[in-house]
Amino acid sequence: MALALGEQVGGVIVNADSAQIYRDLPILSAAPRPDELRRVDHRLYGVMDGQQACSAADWAAMARREIADVHSSGRLPILVGGTGLYLRTLLHGIAPVPAIDPDVRQKVRERSVEENRQELLKRDRDAAMRLNERDAARIARALEVALSTGRTLADWQQKREGGIAGEIDLRPFITLPPRDWLYPRCDKRFAAMIDDGAADEVRNLLKRQLSSRLPIMRGIGVREIAAWLNGEMSREEAIAAGQQATRRYAKRQYTWFAHQPPVEWPRFHEPLDKDSIPRALALLWGTP
């Protein structure tokens, strides 16, 4: 759909996917293929190494620069991706939380999720009760902010800075195709990734012995394929586990985009195929 729009209006596709920002997993992250890259100008795909952790603030800063550059060339930036936190940070800004004390961050990241959660109950009970007890990243973030700054993350988030929502003419569009159409496609795509070389990508990551806490090592399918490569499960079991992880993530994304963005943002509920994409573009672009 983005390619079709880009070709119609001479636009530039800007990545808003937290996995496709890395160059290490083009197959497993379903990054644009070489033939797609030739059709339309693309930005922010494969621009970071897996040993770096790209935060929402990092991506938003890069995206602001790319959007300004595309606008200066007289073209239309087309943001594509399912990382809601990235998009929200770009549009509405981010809380001005000071830099976290490195010693605090190291201490928090070295402890278990449950240890951090118990500490968070003492420091920021509202956050501890609100967050999923297995959400290691968000629990760690809330705790390190409380420990490092003496204030809760919610307190900092009452004021946000750097958003561009008031500076642009935004045309949002959310695709929510039927789940009975979506999930089989998730399964088929993951199996195709294995056939296309996703295991080689993961094998190369494992050779680098990167920290398991890095975002790229928590990517959908990385853990499952690594278990297969390490002899902990069969190829078939790894595919089934990766497919299940993909469906679960798709379900969370589906729920987030169905309810979190403003109600006036258009939602498109049809399957996305060659017949429906023209109707989707018409709804997005306001053309008959």
C-alpha atoms as a PDB file:
ATOM      1  CA  MET A   1       0.000   0.000   0.000  1.00  0.00           C
ATOM      2  CA  ALA A   2       2.847   2.399   0.852  1.00  0.00           C
ATOM      3  CA  LEU A   3       4.611   1.535  -2.384  1.00  0.00           C
ATOM      4  CA  ALA A   4       1.454   2.219  -4.369  1.00  0.00           C
ATOM      5  CA  LEU A   5       0.963   5.581  -2.660  1.00  0.00           C
ATOM      6  CA  GLY A   6       4.620   6.478  -3.067  1.00  0.00           C
ATOM      7  CA  GLU A   7       4.461   5.791  -6.794  1.00  0.00           C
ATOM      8  CA  GLN A   8       1.239   7.763  -7.161  1.00  0.00           C
ATOM      9  CA  VAL A   9       2.441  10.930  -5.432  1.00  0.00           C
ATOM     10  CA  GLY A  10       6.224  10.717  -5.767  1.00  0.00           C
ATOM     11  CA  GLY A  11       6.563  10.157  -2.040  1.00  0.00           C
ATOM     12  CA  VAL A  12       9.347   8.902   0.201  1.00  0.00           C
ATOM     13  CA  ILE A  13       8.745   5.985   2.583  1.00  0.00           C
ATOM     14  CA  VAL A  14      10.132   6.560   6.094  1.00  0.00           C
ATOM     15  CA  ASN A  15      10.511   3.551   8.367  1.00  0.00           C
ATOM     16  CA  ALA A  16       8.583   3.519  11.654  1.00  0.00           C
ATOM     17  CA  ASP A  17       9.356  -0.081  12.608  1.00  0.00           C
ATOM     18  CA  SER A  18      11.694  -0.755  15.542  1.00  0.00           C
ATOM     19  CA  ALA A  19      13.107  -3.970  14.030  1.00  0.00           C
ATOM     20  CA  GLN A  20      13.638  -2.699  10.487  1.00  0.00           C
ATOM     21  CA  ILE A  21      15.843   0.118  11.784  1.00  0.00           C
ATOM     22  CA  TYR A  22      18.628  -2.482  12.177  1.00  0.00           C
ATOM     23  CA  ARG A  23      20.688  -3.790   9.297  1.00  0.00           C
ATOM     24  CA  ASP A  24      21.290  -7.221  10.851  1.00  0.00           C
ATOM     25  CA  LEU A  25      17.891  -8.859  10.223  1.00  0.00           C
ATOM     26  CA  PRO A  26      16.494  -7.731   6.855  1.00  0.00           C
ATOM     27  CA  ILE A  27      14.804 -11.093   6.265  1.00  0.00           C
ATOM     28  CA  LEU A  28      13.509 -11.762   9.774  1.00  0.00           C
ATOM     29  CA  SER A  29      12.241  -8.189  10.161  1.00  0.00           C
ATOM     30  CA  ALA A  30      10.557  -8.260   6.719  1.00  0.00           C
ATOM     31  CA  ALA A  31      12.503  -5.196   5.588  1.00  0.00           C
ATOM     32  CA  PRO A  32      11.845  -3.918   2.044  1.00  0.00           C
ATOM     33  CA  ARG A  33      13.367  -6.091  -0.667  1.00  0.00           C
ATOM     34  CA  PRO A  34      15.844  -4.697  -3.217  1.00  0.00           C
ATOM     35  CA  ASP A  35      13.156  -4.512  -5.913  1.00  0.00           C
ATOM     36  CA  GLU A  36      10.897  -2.524  -3.552  1.00  0.00           C
ATOM     37  CA  LEU A  37      13.726  -0.166  -2.638  1.00  0.00           C
ATOM     38  CA  ARG A  38      14.170   0.596  -6.331  1.00  0.00           C
ATOM     39  CA  ARG A  39      10.504   1.471  -6.825  1.00  0.00           C
ATOM     40  CA  VAL A  40      10.303   4.246  -4.218  1.00  0.00           C
ATOM     41  CA  ASP A  41      12.874   6.158  -2.165  1.00  0.00           C
ATOM     42  CA  HIS A  42      13.163   4.680   1.350  1.00  0.00           C
ATOM     43  CA  ARG A  43      14.644   6.187   4.533  1.00  0.00           C
ATOM     44  CA  LEU A  44      15.726   4.785   7.929  1.00  0.00           C
ATOM     45  CA  TYR A  45      15.832   1.141   6.899  1.00  0.00           C
ATOM     46  CA  GLY A  46      18.893  -0.790   8.073  1.00  0.00           C
ATOM     47  CA  VAL A  47      20.702   2.301   9.349  1.00  0.00           C
ATOM     48  CA  MET A  48      21.778   0.990  12.783  1.00  0.00           C
ATOM     49  CA  ASP A  49      23.933  -1.885  13.974  1.00  0.00           C
ATOM     50  CA  GLY A  50      22.439  -4.469  16.295  1.00  0.00           C
ATOM     51  CA  GLN A  51      24.869  -3.670  19.094  1.00  0.00           C
ATOM     52  CA  GLN A  52      23.142  -0.288  19.454  1.00  0.00           C
ATOM     53  CA  ALA A  53      19.838   0.174  21.258  1.00  0.00           C
ATOM     54  CA  CYS A  54      17.558   2.539  19.348  1.00  0.00           C
ATOM     55  CA  SER A  55      15.093   4.261  21.678  1.00  0.00           C
ATOM     56  CA  ALA A  56      11.868   5.960  20.654  1.00  0.00           C
ATOM     57  CA  ALA A  57      13.573   9.313  21.233  1.00  0.00           C
ATOM     58  CA  ASP A  58      16.503   8.281  18.997  1.00  0.00           C
ATOM     59  CA  TRP A  59      14.181   7.244  16.195  1.00  0.00           C
ATOM     60  CA  ALA A  60      12.004  10.357  16.539  1.00  0.00           C
ATOM     61  CA  ALA A  61      15.068  12.602  16.203  1.00  0.00           C
ATOM     62  CA  MET A  62      16.151  10.753  13.041  1.00  0.00           C
ATOM     63  CA  ALA A  63      12.616  10.789  11.655  1.00  0.00           C
ATOM     64  CA  ARG A  64      12.252  14.550  12.217  1.00  0.00           C
ATOM     65  CA  ARG A  65      15.412  15.135  10.169  1.00  0.00           C
ATOM     66  CA  GLU A  66      14.265  12.844   7.353  1.00  0.00           C
ATOM     67  CA  ILE A  67      10.786  14.381   7.254  1.00  0.00           C
ATOM     68  CA  ALA A  68      12.256  17.881   7.069  1.00  0.00           C
ATOM     69  CA  ASP A  69      14.594  16.795   4.272  1.00  0.00           C
ATOM     70  CA  VAL A  70      11.757  15.197   2.286  1.00  0.00           C
ATOM     71  CA  HIS A  71       9.607  18.293   2.738  1.00  0.00           C
ATOM     72  CA  SER A  72      12.455  20.532   1.600  1.00  0.00           C
ATOM     73  CA  SER A  73      12.633  18.539  -1.630  1.00  0.00           C
ATOM     74  CA  GLY A  74       8.932  19.145  -2.267  1.00  0.00           C
ATOM     75  CA  ARG A  75       7.963  15.516  -1.754  1.00  0.00           C
ATOM     76  CA  LEU A  76       5.623  13.696   0.618  1.00  0.00           C
ATOM     77  CA  PRO A  77       7.005  11.679   3.563  1.00  0.00           C
ATOM     78  CA  ILE A  78       5.043   8.439   4.066  1.00  0.00           C
ATOM     79  CA  LEU A  79       5.642   6.933   7.512  1.00  0.00           C
ATOM     80  CA  VAL A  80       5.109   3.177   7.598  1.00  0.00           C
ATOM     81  CA  GLY A  81       5.413   0.842  10.549  1.00  0.00           C
ATOM     82  CA  GLY A  82       3.735  -0.660  13.551  1.00  0.00           C
ATOM     83  CA  THR A  83       5.799   0.673  16.443  1.00  0.00           C
ATOM     84  CA  GLY A  84       3.191   2.774  18.171  1.00  0.00           C
ATOM     85  CA  LEU A  85       5.597   4.212  20.729  1.00  0.00           C
ATOM     86  CA  TYR A  86       7.810   5.545  17.932  1.00  0.00           C
ATOM     87  CA  LEU A  87       4.893   7.280  16.244  1.00  0.00           C
ATOM     88  CA  ARG A  88       3.490   8.677  19.472  1.00  0.00           C
ATOM     89  CA  THR A  89       6.888  10.071  20.452  1.00  0.00           C
ATOM     90  CA  LEU A  90       7.340  11.708  17.054  1.00  0.00           C
ATOM     91  CA  LEU A  91       3.919  13.328  17.073  1.00  0.00           C
ATOM     92  CA  HIS A  92       3.513  14.305  20.710  1.00  0.00           C
ATOM     93  CA  GLY A  93       7.060  14.483  22.014  1.00  0.00           C
ATOM     94  CA  ILE A  94       8.741  12.805  24.916  1.00  0.00           C
ATOM     95  CA  ALA A  95       9.009  13.515  28.605  1.00  0.00           C
ATOM     96  CA  PRO A  96      12.174  15.514  29.441  1.00  0.00           C
ATOM     97  CA  VAL A  97      13.589  12.776  31.672  1.00  0.00           C
ATOM     98  CA  PRO A  98      17.236  13.530  32.560  1.00  0.00           C
ATOM     99  CA  ALA A  99      19.926  11.060  31.537  1.00  0.00           C
ATOM    100  CA  ILE A 100      19.851   7.993  33.761  1.00  0.00           C
ATOM    101  CA  ASP A 101      22.808   7.467  36.073  1.00  0.00           C
ATOM    102  CA  PRO A 102      24.898   4.695  34.402  1.00  0.00           C
ATOM    103  CA  ASP A 103      25.434   2.915  37.727  1.00  0.00           C
ATOM    104  CA  VAL A 104      21.684   2.876  38.367  1.00  0.00           C
ATOM    105  CA  ARG A 105      20.980   1.556  34.879  1.00  0.00           C
ATOM    106  CA  GLN A 106      23.552  -1.214  35.194  1.00  0.00           C
ATOM    107  CA  LYS A 107      22.235  -2.275  38.583  1.00  0.00           C
ATOM    108  CA  VAL A 108      18.638  -2.382  37.317  1.00  0.00           C
ATOM    109  CA  ARG A 109      19.501  -4.248  34.120  1.00  0.00           C
ATOM    110  CA  GLU A 110      21.477  -6.897  36.029  1.00  0.00           C
ATOM    111  CA  ARG A 111      18.543  -7.879  38.259  1.00  0.00           C
ATOM    112  CA  SER A 112      15.637 -10.175  37.434  1.00  0.00           C
ATOM    113  CA  VAL A 113      12.252  -8.880  36.349  1.00  0.00           C
ATOM    114  CA  GLU A 114      10.674  -9.926  39.644  1.00  0.00           C
ATOM    115  CA  GLU A 115      13.390  -8.234  41.711  1.00  0.00           C
ATOM    116  CA  ASN A 116      12.853  -5.009  39.765  1.00  0.00           C
ATOM    117  CA  ARG A 117       9.098  -5.288  40.101  1.00  0.00           C
ATOM    118  CA  GLN A 118       9.306  -5.683  43.876  1.00  0.00           C
ATOM    119  CA  GLU A 119      11.559  -2.626  44.083  1.00  0.00           C
ATOM    120  CA  LEU A 120       9.216  -0.688  41.775  1.00  0.00           C
ATOM    121  CA  LEU A 121       6.317  -1.452  44.134  1.00  0.00           C
ATOM    122  CA  LYS A 122       8.188   0.564  46.751  1.00  0.00           C
ATOM    123  CA  ARG A 123       9.264   3.404  44.454  1.00  0.00           C
ATOM    124  CA  ASP A 124       6.320   3.750  42.037  1.00  0.00           C
ATOM    125  CA  ARG A 125       3.452   1.511  43.080  1.00  0.00           C
ATOM    126  CA  ASP A 126       1.061   2.837  40.424  1.00  0.00           C
ATOM    127  CA  ALA A 127       3.473   1.864  37.633  1.00  0.00           C
ATOM    128  CA  ALA A 128       4.184  -1.544  39.195  1.00  0.00           C
ATOM    129  CA  MET A 129       0.471  -2.339  39.396  1.00  0.00           C
ATOM    130  CA  ARG A 130      -0.243  -1.058  35.890  1.00  0.00           C
ATOM    131  CA  LEU A 131       2.559  -2.831  34.006  1.00  0.00           C
ATOM    132  CA  ASN A 132       2.491  -6.479  32.990  1.00  0.00           C
ATOM    133  CA  GLU A 133       4.567  -8.358  35.564  1.00  0.00           C
ATOM    134  CA  ARG A 134       6.624  -9.963  32.755  1.00  0.00           C
ATOM    135  CA  ASP A 135       7.310  -6.714  30.879  1.00  0.00           C
ATOM    136  CA  ALA A 136      11.011  -6.513  31.716  1.00  0.00           C
ATOM    137  CA  ALA A 137      11.783  -3.450  29.585  1.00  0.00           C
ATOM    138  CA  ARG A 138       9.010  -1.184  30.904  1.00  0.00           C
ATOM    139  CA  ILE A 139       9.491  -2.246  34.515  1.00  0.00           C
ATOM    140  CA  ALA A 140      13.228  -1.551  34.239  1.00  0.00           C
ATOM    141  CA  ARG A 141      12.573   1.834  32.640  1.00  0.00           C
ATOM    142  CA  ALA A 142      10.102   2.933  35.315  1.00  0.00           C
ATOM    143  CA  LEU A 143      12.430   1.795  38.092  1.00  0.00           C
ATOM    144  CA  GLU A 144      15.592   3.387  36.726  1.00  0.00           C
ATOM    145  CA  VAL A 145      13.783   6.717  36.297  1.00  0.00           C
ATOM    146  CA  ALA A 146      12.492   6.586  39.870  1.00  0.00           C
ATOM    147  CA  LEU A 147      15.878   5.655  41.288  1.00  0.00           C
ATOM    148  CA  SER A 148      17.906   8.076  39.186  1.00  0.00           C
ATOM    149  CA  THR A 149      15.672  11.154  39.358  1.00  0.00           C
ATOM    150  CA  GLY A 150      13.647  10.745  42.529  1.00  0.00           C
ATOM    151  CA  ARG A 151      10.449  11.256  40.514  1.00  0.00           C
ATOM    152  CA  THR A 152       8.124   8.779  38.841  1.00  0.00           C
ATOM    153  CA  LEU A 153       7.992   8.358  35.082  1.00  0.00           C
ATOM    154  CA  ALA A 154       4.328   9.404  35.121  1.00  0.00           C
ATOM    155  CA  ASP A 155       5.331  12.625  36.843  1.00  0.00           C
ATOM    156  CA  TRP A 156       7.866  13.394  34.110  1.00  0.00           C
ATOM    157  CA  GLN A 157       5.375  12.465  31.390  1.00  0.00           C
ATOM    158  CA  GLN A 158       2.953  15.208  32.377  1.00  0.00           C
ATOM    159  CA  LYS A 159       5.065  17.492  30.191  1.00  0.00           C
ATOM    160  CA  ARG A 160       6.239  16.394  26.743  1.00  0.00           C
ATOM    161  CA  GLU A 161       8.654  18.138  24.394  1.00  0.00           C
ATOM    162  CA  GLY A 162       9.636  17.878  20.733  1.00  0.00           C
ATOM    163  CA  GLY A 163       6.433  16.626  19.102  1.00  0.00           C
ATOM    164  CA  ILE A 164       5.652  17.685  15.528  1.00  0.00           C
ATOM    165  CA  ALA A 165       1.881  17.081  15.502  1.00  0.00           C
ATOM    166  CA  GLY A 166       1.170  20.826  15.530  1.00  0.00           C
ATOM    167  CA  GLU A 167       3.577  21.538  12.670  1.00  0.00           C
ATOM    168  CA  ILE A 168       2.356  19.118   9.995  1.00  0.00           C
ATOM    169  CA  ASP A 169      -0.744  18.216   8.025  1.00  0.00           C
ATOM    170  CA  LEU A 170      -1.158  14.622   9.195  1.00  0.00           C
ATOM    171  CA  ARG A 171      -3.190  12.040   7.301  1.00  0.00           C
ATOM    172  CA  PRO A 172      -3.208   8.994   9.583  1.00  0.00           C
ATOM    173  CA  PHE A 173      -4.418   5.587   8.446  1.00  0.00           C
ATOM    174  CA  ILE A 174      -4.653   2.356  10.457  1.00  0.00           C
ATOM    175  CA  THR A 175      -4.962  -1.058   8.812  1.00  0.00           C
ATOM    176  CA  LEU A 176      -6.895  -3.610  10.899  1.00  0.00           C
ATOM    177  CA  PRO A 177      -7.617  -6.490   8.507  1.00  0.00           C
ATOM    178  CA  PRO A 178      -9.679  -9.499   9.668  1.00  0.00           C
ATOM    179  CA  ARG A 179      -7.740 -11.661  12.070  1.00  0.00           C
ATOM    180  CA  ASP A 180      -8.700 -14.860  10.255  1.00  0.00           C
ATOM    181  CA  TRP A 181      -6.972 -13.357   7.205  1.00  0.00           C
ATOM    182  CA  LEU A 182      -4.035 -11.886   9.122  1.00  0.00           C
ATOM    183  CA  TYR A 183      -2.875 -14.804  11.272  1.00  0.00           C
ATOM    184  CA  PRO A 184      -2.456 -17.387   8.466  1.00  0.00           C
ATOM    185  CA  ARG A 185      -0.380 -14.805   6.601  1.00  0.00           C
ATOM    186  CA  CYS A 186       1.792 -14.381   9.709  1.00  0.00           C
ATOM    187  CA  ASP A 187       2.353 -18.151   9.779  1.00  0.00           C
ATOM    188  CA  LYS A 188       3.128 -18.357   6.075  1.00  0.00           C
ATOM    189  CA  ARG A 189       5.529 -15.424   6.213  1.00  0.00           C
ATOM    190  CA  PHE A 190       7.530 -16.799   9.133  1.00  0.00           C
ATOM    191  CA  ALA A 191       7.984 -20.152   7.400  1.00  0.00           C
ATOM    192  CA  ALA A 192       9.067 -18.326   4.239  1.00  0.00           C
ATOM    193  CA  MET A 193      11.619 -16.335   6.265  1.00  0.00           C
ATOM    194  CA  ILE A 194      13.247 -19.574   7.385  1.00  0.00           C
ATOM    195  CA  ASP A 195      13.444 -20.762   3.782  1.00  0.00           C
ATOM    196  CA  ASP A 196      14.872 -17.404   2.675  1.00  0.00           C
ATOM    197  CA  GLY A 197      17.787 -17.353   5.132  1.00  0.00           C
ATOM    198  CA  ALA A 198      16.561 -15.969   8.459  1.00  0.00           C
ATOM    199  CA  ALA A 199      18.525 -18.665  10.298  1.00  0.00           C
ATOM    200  CA  ASP A 200      21.776 -17.377   8.790  1.00  0.00           C
ATOM    201  CA  GLU A 201      20.959 -13.893  10.093  1.00  0.00           C
ATOM    202  CA  VAL A 202      20.437 -15.226  13.615  1.00  0.00           C
ATOM    203  CA  ARG A 203      23.553 -17.410  13.368  1.00  0.00           C
ATOM    204  CA  ASN A 204      25.625 -14.325  12.564  1.00  0.00           C
ATOM    205  CA  LEU A 205      24.100 -12.477  15.520  1.00  0.00           C
ATOM    206  CA  LEU A 206      24.943 -15.323  17.876  1.00  0.00           C
ATOM    207  CA  LYS A 207      28.546 -15.312  16.678  1.00  0.00           C
ATOM    208  CA  ARG A 208      28.831 -11.699  17.842  1.00  0.00           C
ATOM    209  CA  GLN A 209      27.796 -12.666  21.388  1.00  0.00           C
ATOM    210  CA  LEU A 210      25.674  -9.575  21.808  1.00  0.00           C
ATOM    211  CA  SER A 211      23.873  -8.923  25.067  1.00  0.00           C
ATOM    212  CA  SER A 212      20.528 -10.697  25.287  1.00  0.00           C
ATOM    213  CA  ARG A 213      19.063  -7.432  26.600  1.00  0.00           C
ATOM    214  CA  LEU A 214      19.616  -5.574  23.329  1.00  0.00           C
ATOM    215  CA  PRO A 215      16.421  -4.923  21.349  1.00  0.00           C
ATOM    216  CA  ILE A 216      17.655  -6.855  18.346  1.00  0.00           C
ATOM    217  CA  MET A 217      18.157  -9.991  20.435  1.00  0.00           C
ATOM    218  CA  ARG A 218      14.552  -9.746  21.607  1.00  0.00           C
ATOM    219  CA  GLY A 219      13.225  -9.504  18.052  1.00  0.00           C
ATOM    220  CA  ILE A 220      10.361 -11.771  17.040  1.00  0.00           C
ATOM    221  CA  GLY A 221      11.839 -15.095  15.952  1.00  0.00           C
ATOM    222  CA  VAL A 222      15.390 -14.526  17.184  1.00  0.00           C
ATOM    223  CA  ARG A 223      14.979 -16.526  20.383  1.00  0.00           C
ATOM    224  CA  GLU A 224      13.141 -19.344  18.631  1.00  0.00           C
ATOM    225  CA  ILE A 225      15.631 -19.695  15.787  1.00  0.00           C
ATOM    226  CA  ALA A 226      18.539 -19.464  18.254  1.00  0.00           C
ATOM    227  CA  ALA A 227      17.053 -22.374  20.210  1.00  0.00           C
ATOM    228  CA  TRP A 228      16.969 -24.438  17.006  1.00  0.00           C
ATOM    229  CA  LEU A 229      20.547 -23.512  16.095  1.00  0.00           C
ATOM    230  CA  ASN A 230      21.679 -24.420  19.625  1.00  0.00           C
ATOM    231  CA  GLY A 231      20.028 -27.832  19.406  1.00  0.00           C
ATOM    232  CA  GLU A 232      17.343 -27.040  21.962  1.00  0.00           C
ATOM    233  CA  MET A 233      14.452 -27.650  19.552  1.00  0.00           C
ATOM    234  CA  SER A 234      13.887 -28.968  16.054  1.00  0.00           C
ATOM    235  CA  ARG A 235      13.470 -26.863  12.946  1.00  0.00           C
ATOM    236  CA  GLU A 236       9.754 -27.620  12.913  1.00  0.00           C
ATOM    237  CA  GLU A 237       9.400 -26.687  16.590  1.00  0.00           C
ATOM    238  CA  ALA A 238      11.271 -23.428  16.018  1.00  0.00           C
ATOM    239  CA  ILE A 239       8.986 -22.524  13.118  1.00  0.00           C
ATOM    240  CA  ALA A 240       5.877 -23.294  15.184  1.00  0.00           C
ATOM    241  CA  ALA A 241       7.203 -21.266  18.133  1.00  0.00           C
ATOM    242  CA  GLY A 242       8.164 -18.355  15.879  1.00  0.00           C
ATOM    243  CA  GLN A 243       4.752 -18.393  14.254  1.00  0.00           C
ATOM    244  CA  GLN A 244       3.079 -18.339  17.652  1.00  0.00           C
ATOM    245  CA  ALA A 245       5.268 -15.449  18.842  1.00  0.00           C
ATOM    246  CA  THR A 246       4.406 -13.538  15.668  1.00  0.00           C
ATOM    247  CA  ARG A 247       0.668 -14.063  16.128  1.00  0.00           C
ATOM    248  CA  ARG A 248       0.849 -12.968  19.750  1.00  0.00           C
ATOM    249  CA  TYR A 249       2.707  -9.819  18.809  1.00  0.00           C
ATOM    250  CA  ALA A 250       0.256  -9.123  15.993  1.00  0.00           C
ATOM    251  CA  LYS A 251      -2.594  -9.486  18.480  1.00  0.00           C
ATOM    252  CA  ARG A 252      -1.013  -6.924  20.822  1.00  0.00           C
ATOM    253  CA  GLN A 253      -0.389  -4.525  17.948  1.00  0.00           C
ATOM    254  CA  TYR A 254      -3.936  -5.010  16.699  1.00  0.00           C
ATOM    255  CA  THR A 255      -5.367  -4.176  20.123  1.00  0.00           C
ATOM    256  CA  TRP A 256      -3.098  -1.140  20.556  1.00  0.00           C
ATOM    257  CA  PHE A 257      -3.901   0.401  17.175  1.00  0.00           C
ATOM    258  CA  ALA A 258      -7.600  -0.364  17.539  1.00  0.00           C
ATOM    259  CA  HIS A 259      -7.900   1.588  20.793  1.00  0.00           C
ATOM    260  CA  GLN A 260      -4.941   3.896  21.480  1.00  0.00           C
ATOM    261  CA  PRO A 261      -4.901   6.344  18.529  1.00  0.00           C
ATOM    262  CA  PRO A 262      -7.644   9.005  18.350  1.00  0.00           C
ATOM    263  CA  VAL A 263     -11.063   7.691  17.329  1.00  0.00           C
ATOM    264  CA  GLU A 264     -11.142  10.019  14.324  1.00  0.00           C
ATOM    265  CA  TRP A 265      -8.160   8.277  12.734  1.00  0.00           C
ATOM    266  CA  PRO A 266      -9.525   6.106   9.901  1.00  0.00           C
ATOM    267  CA  ARG A 267      -9.476   2.348  10.465  1.00  0.00           C
ATOM    268  CA  PHE A 268      -9.484   0.033   7.438  1.00  0.00           C
ATOM    269  CA  HIS A 269     -10.903  -3.409   8.211  1.00  0.00           C
ATOM    270  CA  GLU A 270     -10.664  -5.162   4.856  1.00  0.00           C
ATOM    271  CA  PRO A 271      -7.969  -7.638   3.825  1.00  0.00           C
ATOM    272  CA  LEU A 272      -5.120  -5.794   2.111  1.00  0.00           C
ATOM    273  CA  ASP A 273      -4.817  -7.147  -1.402  1.00  0.00           C
ATOM    274  CA  LYS A 274      -4.724  -5.874  -4.976  1.00  0.00           C
ATOM    275  CA  ASP A 275      -8.489  -5.336  -4.972  1.00  0.00           C
ATOM    276  CA  SER A 276      -8.782  -3.477  -1.664  1.00  0.00           C
ATOM    277  CA  ILE A 277      -5.654  -1.315  -1.751  1.00  0.00           C
ATOM    278  CA  PRO A 278      -7.171   1.195  -4.218  1.00  0.00           C
ATOM    279  CA  ARG A 279     -10.134   1.615  -1.847  1.00  0.00           C
ATOM    280  CA  ALA A 280      -7.756   2.045   1.091  1.00  0.00           C
ATOM    281  CA  LEU A 281      -5.796   4.709  -0.765  1.00  0.00           C
ATOM    282  CA  ALA A 282      -8.996   6.495  -1.698  1.00  0.00           C
ATOM    283  CA  LEU A 283     -10.019   6.573   1.958  1.00  0.00           C
ATOM    284  CA  LEU A 284      -6.579   7.813   2.981  1.00  0.00           C
ATOM    285  CA  TRP A 285      -6.159  10.376   0.233  1.00  0.00           C
ATOM    286  CA  GLY A 286      -9.753  11.534   0.072  1.00  0.00           C
ATOM    287  CA  THR A 287     -10.204  10.715  -3.611  1.00  0.00           C
ATOM    288  CA  PRO A 288     -13.184   8.893  -5.182  1.00  0.00           C
END
